[in-house]
């Protein structure tokens, strides 16, 4: 069986404990590959290697870094079909979606390279207060890399959600220890192996796969880590925050992205966008459309159209059977409390087709919990005021959509939503990748993107030039 190894410094290593983890493909639940399970000692060694390499990499010229990444891009383009096949098999994506993730990740590298090349410093003139004569004191404000960055990604986009951490970190002069989610580790390791083939120096990127229970806290609490960039569940994000005292955190957590559909919405546009946003990749996206807040005057027509379009879908599998079981629990809870199952998707193991639940209420679990699967709940409201109130009860704040042909109404509602991004007349989604992206409340902290992430992964430094012989 094909096996992914650890990359620590210059070496591709096996687990020193002899432990491996078998990965099953979501398509048929059969064994697909193995990954090495790093020990706590190997996790610490990866940080050792990153810290040592930082001393050299931080002083590598920007032109040299950009040249290496040009070679990386060339390698990735040569291998993208092979990488997409592996990604599709490991995490259950349709081939075209896996190809899209690889292409998008390559495109993101290019965007970061462009953003980095355009970064500028600032000059501060000391004579502005009258305390110093002209040119006596001049401040030069620049940005410098932080050091070792810990990148932790989730299973659903193992390439895209890691490249948005790793590319800006390394291009800005930092070094990285990367811990991918278990499912997705094989694809991620295959992708980043191309970085080393292209000439990325040893120790600049270190990859440790394995059990989070064994190595997670070891990585998170090491005082040499200067920033943690994490994508995953809100619960794990909270845990990281509790034990990583003093370490800056870039957190992309869960979401309950609402679609607010007013009486002025274009039903065709709204339903097409909501179905796409709710069920692409079987709803396993942090930015999936996860709840519909529908005005009473349009709710019946909206529900019928959503059912009609969703019934035509053929979805990819969920990542595993446990995730599918959880969807079943949420549906049962809602229907037992009075919700109407308007569309009941058929299930076979971890394969589950689209389901729609109408007339849910806040006491149902599916209102407050992030389902991360192919079920879309609808809650009905009488007007704008109630829609805003219901949305405020959601503990997450990643994105929201507002569907209305009345632009004044759309902007008015948008201004009252406590989220990182509002999409007007379109599904919740990340991108384009040069746009800022992030959440508030239980959905994370700080905006990321290209320029934004580069700023978070560097620190400001002021150098003051003092001139004494001005005569």
Foldseek 3Di string as FASTA:
>chain_A
DAEAFWAAFPDGDAAPVNDKDFAAFLQVRHTDYIYHAHFQVSLVSLLVLQQVVLVPLQPDDLVVLVVLLVLLLVLLVVCLLVLLVVLCRLQFADSVVSSVLSVLLSVQLVVLNVLVVPDDWDKDWPCPVVPDDGPQKMKIKDWGFQEEEEEEEEQPRQRNSRSLQLSLNSSRRYAYEYEYDQRSLVSNSVSCVSSVVSPDHTSSYTYHYHDCVRHVLSNLQPPRHQEYEYEEALVVVVVSVVRNPPHHYFYFHAAQAEEEEEPQFDLVLSLVQLLCQCQRQQNQDRQRHAEYEYAPVCVVVNLVSNQVVQVPDQHTFHRFQVLVVLLVVLVVQFVVVPWAWPAAWDDDRRGTGATEIEQGDPVRPSLADRSSGRYYYYHYDHDLVVSLVSQVPHQWAFEYEYGHPPVVVRVVSVVSGQHPYYHYSHGGDDDPQQDWGFTDGSRGDFTGGNNRSSDVRIDMDMDMDGDDPPD
